[in-house]
PDB file of all heavy atoms in Angstrom:
ATOM      1  N   ILE A   1     106.140 219.620  54.758  1.00  0.00           N
ATOM      2  CA  ILE A   1     105.301 218.699  53.980  1.00  0.00           C
ATOM      3  C   ILE A   1     104.889 217.566  54.911  1.00  0.00           C
ATOM      4  O   ILE A   1     105.736 216.838  55.433  1.00  0.00           O
ATOM      5  CB  ILE A   1     106.059 218.145  52.757  1.00  0.00           C
ATOM      6  CG1 ILE A   1     106.528 219.288  51.854  1.00  0.00           C
ATOM      7  CG2 ILE A   1     105.180 217.156  51.986  1.00  0.00           C
ATOM      8  CD1 ILE A   1     105.415 220.114  51.246  1.00  0.00           C
ATOM      9  N   LEU A   2     103.601 217.395  55.122  1.00  0.00           N
ATOM     10  CA  LEU A   2     103.107 216.496  56.175  1.00  0.00           C
ATOM     11  C   LEU A   2     102.910 215.082  55.636  1.00  0.00           C
ATOM     12  O   LEU A   2     101.791 214.593  55.493  1.00  0.00           O
ATOM     13  CB  LEU A   2     101.812 217.052  56.767  1.00  0.00           C
ATOM     14  CG  LEU A   2     101.878 218.518  57.231  1.00  0.00           C
ATOM     15  CD1 LEU A   2     100.540 218.959  57.809  1.00  0.00           C
ATOM     16  CD2 LEU A   2     102.997 218.723  58.243  1.00  0.00           C
ATOM     17  N   ASP A   3     104.014 214.424  55.349  1.00  0.00           N
ATOM     18  CA  ASP A   3     103.989 213.080  54.762  1.00  0.00           C
ATOM     19  C   ASP A   3     104.078 212.036  55.875  1.00  0.00           C
ATOM     20  O   ASP A   3     105.143 211.777  56.419  1.00  0.00           O
ATOM     21  CB  ASP A   3     105.161 212.922  53.777  1.00  0.00           C
ATOM     22  CG  ASP A   3     105.090 211.618  53.000  1.00  0.00           C
ATOM     23  OD1 ASP A   3     104.253 210.755  53.339  1.00  0.00           O
ATOM     24  OD2 ASP A   3     105.890 211.461  52.048  1.00  0.00           O
ATOM     25  N   ARG A   4     102.954 211.445  56.208  1.00  0.00           N
ATOM     26  CA  ARG A   4     102.924 210.435  57.264  1.00  0.00           C
ATOM     27  C   ARG A   4     103.455 209.082  56.805  1.00  0.00           C
ATOM     28  O   ARG A   4     103.774 208.222  57.633  1.00  0.00           O
ATOM     29  CB  ARG A   4     101.501 210.253  57.786  1.00  0.00           C
ATOM     30  CG  ARG A   4     100.938 211.446  58.539  1.00  0.00           C
ATOM     31  CD  ARG A   4      99.581 211.088  59.132  1.00  0.00           C
ATOM     32  NE  ARG A   4      99.682 209.978  60.061  1.00  0.00           N
ATOM     33  CZ  ARG A   4      98.696 209.115  60.302  1.00  0.00           C
ATOM     34  NH1 ARG A   4      97.547 209.215  59.661  1.00  0.00           N
ATOM     35  NH2 ARG A   4      98.867 208.122  61.159  1.00  0.00           N
ATOM     36  N   LYS A   5     103.528 208.874  55.498  1.00  0.00           N
ATOM     37  CA  LYS A   5     103.954 207.575  54.973  1.00  0.00           C
ATOM     38  C   LYS A   5     105.466 207.396  55.061  1.00  0.00           C
ATOM     39  O   LYS A   5     105.952 206.275  55.165  1.00  0.00           O
ATOM     40  CB  LYS A   5     103.503 207.426  53.514  1.00  0.00           C
ATOM     41  CG  LYS A   5     102.000 207.547  53.295  1.00  0.00           C
ATOM     42  CD  LYS A   5     101.233 206.439  53.985  1.00  0.00           C
ATOM     43  CE  LYS A   5      99.739 206.509  53.665  1.00  0.00           C
ATOM     44  NZ  LYS A   5      98.978 205.482  54.399  1.00  0.00           N
ATOM     45  N   ARG A   6     106.203 208.479  54.981  1.00  0.00           N
ATOM     46  CA  ARG A   6     107.671 208.388  55.009  1.00  0.00           C
ATOM     47  C   ARG A   6     108.187 208.950  56.337  1.00  0.00           C
ATOM     48  O   ARG A   6     108.865 209.970  56.392  1.00  0.00           O
ATOM     49  CB  ARG A   6     108.270 209.116  53.814  1.00  0.00           C
ATOM     50  CG  ARG A   6     107.759 208.624  52.469  1.00  0.00           C
ATOM     51  CD  ARG A   6     108.538 209.250  51.327  1.00  0.00           C
ATOM     52  NE  ARG A   6     109.946 208.789  51.327  1.00  0.00           N
ATOM     53  CZ  ARG A   6     110.934 209.434  50.710  1.00  0.00           C
ATOM     54  NH1 ARG A   6     110.689 210.575  50.065  1.00  0.00           N
ATOM     55  NH2 ARG A   6     112.161 208.960  50.746  1.00  0.00           N
ATOM     56  N   LEU A   7     107.825 208.273  57.376  1.00  0.00           N
ATOM     57  CA  LEU A   7     108.135 208.733  58.732  1.00  0.00           C
ATOM     58  C   LEU A   7     108.279 207.533  59.649  1.00  0.00           C
ATOM     59  O   LEU A   7     107.584 206.528  59.495  1.00  0.00           O
ATOM     60  CB  LEU A   7     107.001 209.644  59.226  1.00  0.00           C
ATOM     61  CG  LEU A   7     106.991 210.055  60.705  1.00  0.00           C
ATOM     62  CD1 LEU A   7     106.448 211.464  60.838  1.00  0.00           C
ATOM     63  CD2 LEU A   7     106.121 209.097  61.532  1.00  0.00           C
ATOM     64  N   ASN A   8     109.181 207.648  60.594  1.00  0.00           N
ATOM     65  CA  ASN A   8     109.305 206.602  61.599  1.00  0.00           C
ATOM     66  C   ASN A   8     109.786 207.220  62.905  1.00  0.00           C
ATOM     67  O   ASN A   8     110.742 207.999  62.927  1.00  0.00           O
ATOM     68  CB  ASN A   8     110.294 205.522  61.153  1.00  0.00           C
ATOM     69  CG  ASN A   8     110.363 204.383  62.153  1.00  0.00           C
ATOM     70  OD1 ASN A   8     109.345 203.827  62.543  1.00  0.00           O
ATOM     71  ND2 ASN A   8     111.567 204.046  62.586  1.00  0.00           N
ATOM     72  N   ALA A   9     109.098 206.908  63.978  1.00  0.00           N
ATOM     73  CA  ALA A   9     109.488 207.365  65.308  1.00  0.00           C
ATOM     74  C   ALA A   9     109.783 206.150  66.168  1.00  0.00           C
ATOM     75  O   ALA A   9     108.990 205.215  66.240  1.00  0.00           O
ATOM     76  CB  ALA A   9     108.377 208.198  65.939  1.00  0.00           C
ATOM     77  N   THR A  10     110.955 206.173  66.814  1.00  0.00           N
ATOM     78  CA  THR A  10     111.340 205.077  67.706  1.00  0.00           C
ATOM     79  C   THR A  10     111.724 205.658  69.057  1.00  0.00           C
ATOM     80  O   THR A  10     112.376 206.697  69.146  1.00  0.00           O
ATOM     81  CB  THR A  10     112.524 204.278  67.136  1.00  0.00           C
ATOM     82  OG1 THR A  10     113.610 205.172  66.876  1.00  0.00           O
ATOM     83  CG2 THR A  10     112.124 203.574  65.848  1.00  0.00           C
ATOM     84  N   ALA A  11     111.334 204.960  70.109  1.00  0.00           N
ATOM     85  CA  ALA A  11     111.596 205.432  71.472  1.00  0.00           C
ATOM     86  C   ALA A  11     112.471 204.441  72.211  1.00  0.00           C
ATOM     87  O   ALA A  11     112.349 203.226  72.045  1.00  0.00           O
ATOM     88  CB  ALA A  11     110.282 205.622  72.221  1.00  0.00           C
ATOM     89  N   ASN A  12     113.352 204.978  73.012  1.00  0.00           N
ATOM     90  CA  ASN A  12     114.131 204.180  73.954  1.00  0.00           C
ATOM     91  C   ASN A  12     113.628 204.544  75.345  1.00  0.00           C
ATOM     92  O   ASN A  12     113.948 205.613  75.876  1.00  0.00           O
ATOM     93  CB  ASN A  12     115.620 204.489  73.804  1.00  0.00           C
ATOM     94  CG  ASN A  12     116.488 203.629  74.695  1.00  0.00           C
ATOM     95  OD1 ASN A  12     116.168 203.379  75.856  1.00  0.00           O
ATOM     96  ND2 ASN A  12     117.617 203.171  74.152  1.00  0.00           N
ATOM     97  N   GLU A  13     112.823 203.644  75.918  1.00  0.00           N
ATOM     98  CA  GLU A  13     112.164 203.963  77.180  1.00  0.00           C
ATOM     99  C   GLU A  13     113.152 204.073  78.335  1.00  0.00           C
ATOM    100  O   GLU A  13     112.940 204.858  79.266  1.00  0.00           O
ATOM    101  CB  GLU A  13     111.092 202.914  77.481  1.00  0.00           C
ATOM    102  CG  GLU A  13     109.937 202.940  76.482  1.00  0.00           C
ATOM    103  CD  GLU A  13     108.832 201.966  76.831  1.00  0.00           C
ATOM    104  OE1 GLU A  13     108.072 202.265  77.765  1.00  0.00           O
ATOM    105  OE2 GLU A  13     108.737 200.917  76.163  1.00  0.00           O
ATOM    106  N   GLU A  14     114.230 203.296  78.286  1.00  0.00           N
ATOM    107  CA  GLU A  14     115.217 203.352  79.358  1.00  0.00           C
ATOM    108  C   GLU A  14     115.952 204.690  79.350  1.00  0.00           C
ATOM    109  O   GLU A  14     116.158 205.310  80.400  1.00  0.00           O
ATOM    110  CB  GLU A  14     116.218 202.206  79.197  1.00  0.00           C
ATOM    111  CG  GLU A  14     117.224 202.121  80.334  1.00  0.00           C
ATOM    112  CD  GLU A  14     118.170 200.946  80.179  1.00  0.00           C
ATOM    113  OE1 GLU A  14     117.913 200.072  79.322  1.00  0.00           O
ATOM    114  OE2 GLU A  14     119.184 200.901  80.908  1.00  0.00           O
ATOM    115  N   GLN A  15     116.336 205.151  78.148  1.00  0.00           N
ATOM    116  CA  GLN A  15     117.024 206.441  78.028  1.00  0.00           C
ATOM    117  C   GLN A  15     116.084 207.632  78.093  1.00  0.00           C
ATOM    118  O   GLN A  15     116.505 208.748  78.358  1.00  0.00           O
ATOM    119  CB  GLN A  15     117.774 206.515  76.690  1.00  0.00           C
ATOM    120  CG  GLN A  15     118.999 205.659  76.534  1.00  0.00           C
ATOM    121  CD  GLN A  15     119.697 205.971  75.215  1.00  0.00           C
ATOM    122  OE1 GLN A  15     119.059 206.278  74.207  1.00  0.00           O
ATOM    123  NE2 GLN A  15     121.022 205.911  75.227  1.00  0.00           N
ATOM    124  N   LYS A  16     114.802 207.396  77.801  1.00  0.00           N
ATOM    125  CA  LYS A  16     113.820 208.469  77.594  1.00  0.00           C
ATOM    126  C   LYS A  16     114.233 209.348  76.411  1.00  0.00           C
ATOM    127  O   LYS A  16     114.193 210.577  76.458  1.00  0.00           O
ATOM    128  CB  LYS A  16     113.630 209.320  78.857  1.00  0.00           C
ATOM    129  CG  LYS A  16     112.901 208.593  79.976  1.00  0.00           C
ATOM    130  CD  LYS A  16     112.479 209.541  81.084  1.00  0.00           C
ATOM    131  CE  LYS A  16     111.367 210.464  80.637  1.00  0.00           C
ATOM    132  NZ  LYS A  16     110.897 211.350  81.733  1.00  0.00           N
ATOM    133  N   THR A  17     114.670 208.675  75.338  1.00  0.00           N
ATOM    134  CA  THR A  17     115.008 209.364  74.096  1.00  0.00           C
ATOM    135  C   THR A  17     114.065 208.924  73.001  1.00  0.00           C
ATOM    136  O   THR A  17     113.517 207.811  73.036  1.00  0.00           O
ATOM    137  CB  THR A  17     116.455 209.087  73.658  1.00  0.00           C
ATOM    138  OG1 THR A  17     116.631 207.676  73.482  1.00  0.00           O
ATOM    139  CG2 THR A  17     117.442 209.622  74.664  1.00  0.00           C
ATOM    140  N   LEU A  18     113.884 209.808  72.029  1.00  0.00           N
ATOM    141  CA  LEU A  18     113.017 209.523  70.885  1.00  0.00           C
ATOM    142  C   LEU A  18     113.704 210.023  69.619  1.00  0.00           C
ATOM    143  O   LEU A  18     114.239 211.141  69.601  1.00  0.00           O
ATOM    144  CB  LEU A  18     111.647 210.183  71.069  1.00  0.00           C
ATOM    145  CG  LEU A  18     110.550 209.822  70.064  1.00  0.00           C
ATOM    146  CD1 LEU A  18     109.174 209.894  70.731  1.00  0.00           C
ATOM    147  CD2 LEU A  18     110.552 210.728  68.837  1.00  0.00           C
ATOM    148  N   ILE A  19     113.706 209.199  68.589  1.00  0.00           N
ATOM    149  CA  ILE A  19     114.267 209.590  67.293  1.00  0.00           C
ATOM    150  C   ILE A  19     113.127 209.623  66.277  1.00  0.00           C
ATOM    151  O   ILE A  19     112.465 208.609  66.036  1.00  0.00           O
ATOM    152  CB  ILE A  19     115.363 208.618  66.826  1.00  0.00           C
ATOM    153  CG1 ILE A  19     116.516 208.612  67.830  1.00  0.00           C
ATOM    154  CG2 ILE A  19     115.867 208.991  65.436  1.00  0.00           C
ATOM    155  CD1 ILE A  19     117.623 207.625  67.505  1.00  0.00           C
ATOM    156  N   LEU A  20     112.892 210.801  65.728  1.00  0.00           N
ATOM    157  CA  LEU A  20     111.869 210.991  64.704  1.00  0.00           C
ATOM    158  C   LEU A  20     112.573 211.175  63.371  1.00  0.00           C
ATOM    159  O   LEU A  20     113.327 212.128  63.186  1.00  0.00           O
ATOM    160  CB  LEU A  20     111.006 212.221  65.048  1.00  0.00           C
ATOM    161  CG  LEU A  20     109.939 212.628  64.029  1.00  0.00           C
ATOM    162  CD1 LEU A  20     108.903 211.524  63.838  1.00  0.00           C
ATOM    163  CD2 LEU A  20     109.253 213.922  64.473  1.00  0.00           C
ATOM    164  N   HIS A  21     112.338 210.249  62.444  1.00  0.00           N
ATOM    165  CA  HIS A  21     112.999 210.258  61.137  1.00  0.00           C
ATOM    166  C   HIS A  21     111.950 210.551  60.065  1.00  0.00           C
ATOM    167  O   HIS A  21     111.004 209.800  59.893  1.00  0.00           O
ATOM    168  CB  HIS A  21     113.646 208.887  60.878  1.00  0.00           C
ATOM    169  CG  HIS A  21     114.604 208.870  59.731  1.00  0.00           C
ATOM    170  ND1 HIS A  21     115.325 207.753  59.374  1.00  0.00           N
ATOM    171  CD2 HIS A  21     114.975 209.838  58.842  1.00  0.00           C
ATOM    172  CE1 HIS A  21     116.092 208.023  58.331  1.00  0.00           C
ATOM    173  NE2 HIS A  21     115.880 209.275  57.985  1.00  0.00           N
ATOM    174  N   ARG A  22     112.116 211.696  59.379  1.00  0.00           N
ATOM    175  CA  ARG A  22     111.151 212.105  58.359  1.00  0.00           C
ATOM    176  C   ARG A  22     111.853 212.248  57.016  1.00  0.00           C
ATOM    177  O   ARG A  22     113.025 212.628  56.942  1.00  0.00           O
ATOM    178  CB  ARG A  22     110.488 213.435  58.759  1.00  0.00           C
ATOM    179  CG  ARG A  22     109.672 213.345  60.040  1.00  0.00           C
ATOM    180  CD  ARG A  22     108.992 214.666  60.372  1.00  0.00           C
ATOM    181  NE  ARG A  22     108.108 215.091  59.293  1.00  0.00           N
ATOM    182  CZ  ARG A  22     107.425 216.235  59.300  1.00  0.00           C
ATOM    183  NH1 ARG A  22     107.557 217.068  60.328  1.00  0.00           N
ATOM    184  NH2 ARG A  22     106.645 216.561  58.293  1.00  0.00           N
ATOM    185  N   LYS A  23     111.091 211.973  55.939  1.00  0.00           N
ATOM    186  CA  LYS A  23     111.664 212.037  54.596  1.00  0.00           C
ATOM    187  C   LYS A  23     110.719 212.769  53.658  1.00  0.00           C
ATOM    188  O   LYS A  23     109.491 212.675  53.785  1.00  0.00           O
ATOM    189  CB  LYS A  23     111.914 210.625  54.044  1.00  0.00           C
ATOM    190  CG  LYS A  23     112.874 209.782  54.862  1.00  0.00           C
ATOM    191  CD  LYS A  23     113.040 208.393  54.252  1.00  0.00           C
ATOM    192  CE  LYS A  23     113.973 207.538  55.084  1.00  0.00           C
ATOM    193  NZ  LYS A  23     114.158 206.183  54.513  1.00  0.00           N
ATOM    194  N   HIS A  24     111.318 213.495  52.695  1.00  0.00           N
ATOM    195  CA  HIS A  24     110.558 214.115  51.613  1.00  0.00           C
ATOM    196  C   HIS A  24     111.462 214.187  50.392  1.00  0.00           C
ATOM    197  O   HIS A  24     112.476 214.898  50.401  1.00  0.00           O
ATOM    198  CB  HIS A  24     110.072 215.516  51.980  1.00  0.00           C
ATOM    199  CG  HIS A  24     109.376 216.214  50.855  1.00  0.00           C
ATOM    200  ND1 HIS A  24     108.152 215.804  50.369  1.00  0.00           N
ATOM    201  CD2 HIS A  24     109.746 217.285  50.090  1.00  0.00           C
ATOM    202  CE1 HIS A  24     107.797 216.602  49.375  1.00  0.00           C
ATOM    203  NE2 HIS A  24     108.753 217.487  49.183  1.00  0.00           N
ATOM    204  N   HIS A  25     111.094 213.432  49.340  1.00  0.00           N
ATOM    205  CA  HIS A  25     111.955 213.282  48.172  1.00  0.00           C
ATOM    206  C   HIS A  25     113.356 212.866  48.636  1.00  0.00           C
ATOM    207  O   HIS A  25     113.496 211.891  49.366  1.00  0.00           O
ATOM    208  CB  HIS A  25     111.969 214.565  47.340  1.00  0.00           C
ATOM    209  CG  HIS A  25     110.636 214.914  46.752  1.00  0.00           C
ATOM    210  ND1 HIS A  25     109.796 213.980  46.184  1.00  0.00           N
ATOM    211  CD2 HIS A  25     109.987 216.110  46.641  1.00  0.00           C
ATOM    212  CE1 HIS A  25     108.684 214.567  45.744  1.00  0.00           C
ATOM    213  NE2 HIS A  25     108.771 215.869  46.025  1.00  0.00           N
ATOM    214  N   SER A  26     114.380 213.600  48.256  1.00  0.00           N
ATOM    215  CA  SER A  26     115.742 213.203  48.632  1.00  0.00           C
ATOM    216  C   SER A  26     116.180 213.771  49.978  1.00  0.00           C
ATOM    217  O   SER A  26     117.258 213.450  50.472  1.00  0.00           O
ATOM    218  CB  SER A  26     116.732 213.659  47.553  1.00  0.00           C
ATOM    219  OG  SER A  26     116.726 215.078  47.445  1.00  0.00           O
ATOM    220  N   GLN A  27     115.339 214.629  50.562  1.00  0.00           N
ATOM    221  CA  GLN A  27     115.711 215.258  51.833  1.00  0.00           C
ATOM    222  C   GLN A  27     115.228 214.420  53.008  1.00  0.00           C
ATOM    223  O   GLN A  27     114.094 213.932  53.026  1.00  0.00           O
ATOM    224  CB  GLN A  27     115.108 216.664  51.924  1.00  0.00           C
ATOM    225  CG  GLN A  27     115.631 217.486  53.089  1.00  0.00           C
ATOM    226  CD  GLN A  27     115.081 218.904  53.086  1.00  0.00           C
ATOM    227  OE1 GLN A  27     113.911 219.120  53.382  1.00  0.00           O
ATOM    228  NE2 GLN A  27     115.935 219.871  52.743  1.00  0.00           N
ATOM    229  N   GLU A  28     116.118 214.227  53.976  1.00  0.00           N
ATOM    230  CA  GLU A  28     115.761 213.518  55.195  1.00  0.00           C
ATOM    231  C   GLU A  28     116.047 214.411  56.390  1.00  0.00           C
ATOM    232  O   GLU A  28     116.984 215.204  56.378  1.00  0.00           O
ATOM    233  CB  GLU A  28     116.569 212.221  55.331  1.00  0.00           C
ATOM    234  CG  GLU A  28     116.317 211.207  54.239  1.00  0.00           C
ATOM    235  CD  GLU A  28     117.078 209.903  54.471  1.00  0.00           C
ATOM    236  OE1 GLU A  28     117.154 209.469  55.646  1.00  0.00           O
ATOM    237  OE2 GLU A  28     117.598 209.346  53.490  1.00  0.00           O
ATOM    238  N   ALA A  29     115.232 214.273  57.402  1.00  0.00           N
ATOM    239  CA  ALA A  29     115.467 214.979  58.664  1.00  0.00           C
ATOM    240  C   ALA A  29     115.391 213.976  59.791  1.00  0.00           C
ATOM    241  O   ALA A  29     114.564 213.054  59.779  1.00  0.00           O
ATOM    242  CB  ALA A  29     114.440 216.081  58.868  1.00  0.00           C
ATOM    243  N   VAL A  30     116.266 214.146  60.762  1.00  0.00           N
ATOM    244  CA  VAL A  30     116.177 213.343  61.966  1.00  0.00           C
ATOM    245  C   VAL A  30     116.124 214.302  63.154  1.00  0.00           C
ATOM    246  O   VAL A  30     116.920 215.236  63.262  1.00  0.00           O
ATOM    247  CB  VAL A  30     117.354 212.345  62.076  1.00  0.00           C
ATOM    248  CG1 VAL A  30     118.690 213.059  62.157  1.00  0.00           C
ATOM    249  CG2 VAL A  30     117.165 211.424  63.257  1.00  0.00           C
ATOM    250  N   ILE A  31     115.111 214.095  63.992  1.00  0.00           N
ATOM    251  CA  ILE A  31     114.938 214.915  65.186  1.00  0.00           C
ATOM    252  C   ILE A  31     115.251 214.024  66.380  1.00  0.00           C
ATOM    253  O   ILE A  31     114.578 212.999  66.605  1.00  0.00           O
ATOM    254  CB  ILE A  31     113.509 215.495  65.285  1.00  0.00           C
ATOM    255  CG1 ILE A  31     113.202 216.380  64.065  1.00  0.00           C
ATOM    256  CG2 ILE A  31     113.367 216.336  66.549  1.00  0.00           C
ATOM    257  CD1 ILE A  31     112.477 215.664  62.947  1.00  0.00           C
ATOM    258  N   LEU A  32     116.273 214.376  67.109  1.00  0.00           N
ATOM    259  CA  LEU A  32     116.741 213.600  68.254  1.00  0.00           C
ATOM    260  C   LEU A  32     116.285 214.292  69.526  1.00  0.00           C
ATOM    261  O   LEU A  32     116.638 215.448  69.770  1.00  0.00           O
ATOM    262  CB  LEU A  32     118.275 213.501  68.231  1.00  0.00           C
ATOM    263  CG  LEU A  32     118.918 213.080  66.906  1.00  0.00           C
ATOM    264  CD1 LEU A  32     120.429 213.192  66.990  1.00  0.00           C
ATOM    265  CD2 LEU A  32     118.499 211.661  66.534  1.00  0.00           C
ATOM    266  N   MET A  33     115.506 213.598  70.351  1.00  0.00           N
ATOM    267  CA  MET A  33     114.926 214.205  71.543  1.00  0.00           C
ATOM    268  C   MET A  33     115.348 213.434  72.787  1.00  0.00           C
ATOM    269  O   MET A  33     115.258 212.198  72.824  1.00  0.00           O
ATOM    270  CB  MET A  33     113.395 214.219  71.465  1.00  0.00           C
ATOM    271  CG  MET A  33     112.830 214.810  70.195  1.00  0.00           C
ATOM    272  SD  MET A  33     111.006 214.818  70.201  1.00  0.00           S
ATOM    273  CE  MET A  33     110.672 214.679  68.439  1.00  0.00           C
ATOM    274  N   ASN A  34     115.755 214.171  73.797  1.00  0.00           N
ATOM    275  CA  ASN A  34     116.137 213.584  75.074  1.00  0.00           C
ATOM    276  C   ASN A  34     115.256 214.168  76.177  1.00  0.00           C
ATOM    277  O   ASN A  34     115.400 215.336  76.543  1.00  0.00           O
ATOM    278  CB  ASN A  34     117.617 213.869  75.366  1.00  0.00           C
ATOM    279  CG  ASN A  34     118.067 213.315  76.710  1.00  0.00           C
ATOM    280  OD1 ASN A  34     117.343 212.564  77.362  1.00  0.00           O
ATOM    281  ND2 ASN A  34     119.265 213.702  77.136  1.00  0.00           N
ATOM    282  N   PHE A  35     114.353 213.348  76.727  1.00  0.00           N
ATOM    283  CA  PHE A  35     113.438 213.809  77.771  1.00  0.00           C
ATOM    284  C   PHE A  35     113.973 213.500  79.169  1.00  0.00           C
ATOM    285  O   PHE A  35     113.283 213.750  80.161  1.00  0.00           O
ATOM    286  CB  PHE A  35     112.068 213.169  77.582  1.00  0.00           C
ATOM    287  CG  PHE A  35     111.279 213.742  76.433  1.00  0.00           C
ATOM    288  CD1 PHE A  35     111.410 213.211  75.149  1.00  0.00           C
ATOM    289  CD2 PHE A  35     110.430 214.818  76.612  1.00  0.00           C
ATOM    290  CE1 PHE A  35     110.701 213.729  74.082  1.00  0.00           C
ATOM    291  CE2 PHE A  35     109.711 215.352  75.557  1.00  0.00           C
ATOM    292  CZ  PHE A  35     109.844 214.809  74.283  1.00  0.00           C
ATOM    293  N   SER A  36     115.180 212.971  79.258  1.00  0.00           N
ATOM    294  CA  SER A  36     115.750 212.644  80.563  1.00  0.00           C
ATOM    295  C   SER A  36     116.554 213.825  81.108  1.00  0.00           C
ATOM    296  O   SER A  36     116.827 214.792  80.391  1.00  0.00           O
ATOM    297  CB  SER A  36     116.659 211.412  80.448  1.00  0.00           C
ATOM    298  OG  SER A  36     117.938 211.776  79.941  1.00  0.00           O
ATOM    299  N   VAL A  37     116.966 213.710  82.358  1.00  0.00           N
ATOM    300  CA  VAL A  37     117.768 214.770  82.986  1.00  0.00           C
ATOM    301  C   VAL A  37     119.255 214.470  82.886  1.00  0.00           C
ATOM    302  O   VAL A  37     120.076 215.151  83.505  1.00  0.00           O
ATOM    303  CB  VAL A  37     117.365 214.965  84.468  1.00  0.00           C
ATOM    304  CG1 VAL A  37     115.944 215.479  84.559  1.00  0.00           C
ATOM    305  CG2 VAL A  37     117.542 213.665  85.254  1.00  0.00           C
ATOM    306  N   ASN A  38     119.614 213.469  82.087  1.00  0.00           N
ATOM    307  CA  ASN A  38     121.013 213.090  81.905  1.00  0.00           C
ATOM    308  C   ASN A  38     121.402 213.185  80.428  1.00  0.00           C
ATOM    309  O   ASN A  38     120.546 213.124  79.543  1.00  0.00           O
ATOM    310  CB  ASN A  38     121.245 211.649  82.384  1.00  0.00           C
ATOM    311  CG  ASN A  38     120.893 211.474  83.844  1.00  0.00           C
ATOM    312  OD1 ASN A  38     121.354 212.233  84.693  1.00  0.00           O
ATOM    313  ND2 ASN A  38     120.072 210.469  84.137  1.00  0.00           N
ATOM    314  N   ILE A  39     122.704 213.307  80.180  1.00  0.00           N
ATOM    315  CA  ILE A  39     123.200 213.236  78.801  1.00  0.00           C
ATOM    316  C   ILE A  39     122.991 211.802  78.300  1.00  0.00           C
ATOM    317  O   ILE A  39     123.255 210.835  79.018  1.00  0.00           O
ATOM    318  CB  ILE A  39     124.700 213.615  78.736  1.00  0.00           C
ATOM    319  CG1 ILE A  39     124.891 215.086  79.119  1.00  0.00           C
ATOM    320  CG2 ILE A  39     125.264 213.354  77.344  1.00  0.00           C
ATOM    321  CD1 ILE A  39     126.359 215.503  79.236  1.00  0.00           C
ATOM    322  N   GLN A  40     122.489 211.686  77.082  1.00  0.00           N
ATOM    323  CA  GLN A  40     122.248 210.370  76.498  1.00  0.00           C
ATOM    324  C   GLN A  40     122.955 210.272  75.147  1.00  0.00           C
ATOM    325  O   GLN A  40     123.048 211.266  74.411  1.00  0.00           O
ATOM    326  CB  GLN A  40     120.745 210.123  76.303  1.00  0.00           C
ATOM    327  CG  GLN A  40     119.911 210.178  77.573  1.00  0.00           C
ATOM    328  CD  GLN A  40     120.203 209.022  78.518  1.00  0.00           C
ATOM    329  OE1 GLN A  40     120.903 208.080  78.178  1.00  0.00           O
ATOM    330  NE2 GLN A  40     119.658 209.109  79.736  1.00  0.00           N
ATOM    331  N   THR A  41     123.414 209.073  74.826  1.00  0.00           N
ATOM    332  CA  THR A  41     124.075 208.820  73.547  1.00  0.00           C
ATOM    333  C   THR A  41     123.097 208.155  72.592  1.00  0.00           C
ATOM    334  O   THR A  41     122.498 207.115  72.917  1.00  0.00           O
ATOM    335  CB  THR A  41     125.307 207.911  73.725  1.00  0.00           C
ATOM    336  OG1 THR A  41     126.219 208.550  74.621  1.00  0.00           O
ATOM    337  CG2 THR A  41     126.003 207.663  72.390  1.00  0.00           C
ATOM    338  N   VAL A  42     122.917 208.757  71.426  1.00  0.00           N
ATOM    339  CA  VAL A  42     122.079 208.179  70.377  1.00  0.00           C
ATOM    340  C   VAL A  42     122.899 208.166  69.091  1.00  0.00           C
ATOM    341  O   VAL A  42     123.961 208.783  69.001  1.00  0.00           O
ATOM    342  CB  VAL A  42     120.763 208.966  70.186  1.00  0.00           C
ATOM    343  CG1 VAL A  42     119.915 208.928  71.444  1.00  0.00           C
ATOM    344  CG2 VAL A  42     121.040 210.410  69.780  1.00  0.00           C
ATOM    345  N   TYR A  43     122.377 207.460  68.086  1.00  0.00           N
ATOM    346  CA  TYR A  43     123.111 207.316  66.828  1.00  0.00           C
ATOM    347  C   TYR A  43     122.292 207.841  65.663  1.00  0.00           C
ATOM    348  O   TYR A  43     121.082 207.586  65.561  1.00  0.00           O
ATOM    349  CB  TYR A  43     123.472 205.848  66.592  1.00  0.00           C
ATOM    350  CG  TYR A  43     124.506 205.342  67.563  1.00  0.00           C
ATOM    351  CD1 TYR A  43     124.119 204.867  68.815  1.00  0.00           C
ATOM    352  CD2 TYR A  43     125.858 205.383  67.247  1.00  0.00           C
ATOM    353  CE1 TYR A  43     125.064 204.425  69.735  1.00  0.00           C
ATOM    354  CE2 TYR A  43     126.817 204.935  68.157  1.00  0.00           C
ATOM    355  CZ  TYR A  43     126.405 204.467  69.398  1.00  0.00           C
ATOM    356  OH  TYR A  43     127.348 204.040  70.298  1.00  0.00           O
ATOM    357  N   LEU A  44     122.967 208.586  64.804  1.00  0.00           N
ATOM    358  CA  LEU A  44     122.329 209.063  63.585  1.00  0.00           C
ATOM    359  C   LEU A  44     122.110 207.899  62.630  1.00  0.00           C
ATOM    360  O   LEU A  44     122.897 206.939  62.621  1.00  0.00           O
ATOM    361  CB  LEU A  44     123.203 210.123  62.915  1.00  0.00           C
ATOM    362  CG  LEU A  44     123.274 211.472  63.642  1.00  0.00           C
ATOM    363  CD1 LEU A  44     124.438 212.297  63.108  1.00  0.00           C
ATOM    364  CD2 LEU A  44     121.964 212.227  63.479  1.00  0.00           C
ATOM    365  N   PRO A  45     121.074 207.956  61.798  1.00  0.00           N
ATOM    366  CA  PRO A  45     120.850 206.891  60.815  1.00  0.00           C
ATOM    367  C   PRO A  45     122.056 206.731  59.885  1.00  0.00           C
ATOM    368  O   PRO A  45     122.743 207.708  59.564  1.00  0.00           O
ATOM    369  CB  PRO A  45     119.617 207.376  60.055  1.00  0.00           C
ATOM    370  CG  PRO A  45     118.908 208.274  61.020  1.00  0.00           C
ATOM    371  CD  PRO A  45     119.998 208.953  61.797  1.00  0.00           C
ATOM    372  N   ASP A  46     122.277 205.518  59.476  1.00  0.00           N
ATOM    373  CA  ASP A  46     123.421 205.193  58.614  1.00  0.00           C
ATOM    374  C   ASP A  46     123.006 205.415  57.162  1.00  0.00           C
ATOM    375  O   ASP A  46     122.360 204.563  56.547  1.00  0.00           O
ATOM    376  CB  ASP A  46     123.851 203.750  58.846  1.00  0.00           C
ATOM    377  CG  ASP A  46     125.221 203.452  58.246  1.00  0.00           C
ATOM    378  OD1 ASP A  46     125.830 204.390  57.693  1.00  0.00           O
ATOM    379  OD2 ASP A  46     125.653 202.293  58.326  1.00  0.00           O
ATOM    380  N   THR A  47     123.345 206.560  56.620  1.00  0.00           N
ATOM    381  CA  THR A  47     122.979 206.921  55.256  1.00  0.00           C
ATOM    382  C   THR A  47     124.241 207.122  54.411  1.00  0.00           C
ATOM    383  O   THR A  47     125.352 206.993  54.896  1.00  0.00           O
ATOM    384  CB  THR A  47     122.148 208.218  55.249  1.00  0.00           C
ATOM    385  OG1 THR A  47     122.870 209.226  55.970  1.00  0.00           O
ATOM    386  CG2 THR A  47     120.797 208.004  55.913  1.00  0.00           C
TER     387      THR A  47
END
């Protein structure tokens, strides 16, 4: 479901990580992306 209103993407330029948070009704998805060549630590949303 292509809901642009219930979406937020945040980038950490130093880590080269991106967190894409999408919502539809009660369902939420978080897509955690690491574009760097190192292991990176990110945090899931506090729900």
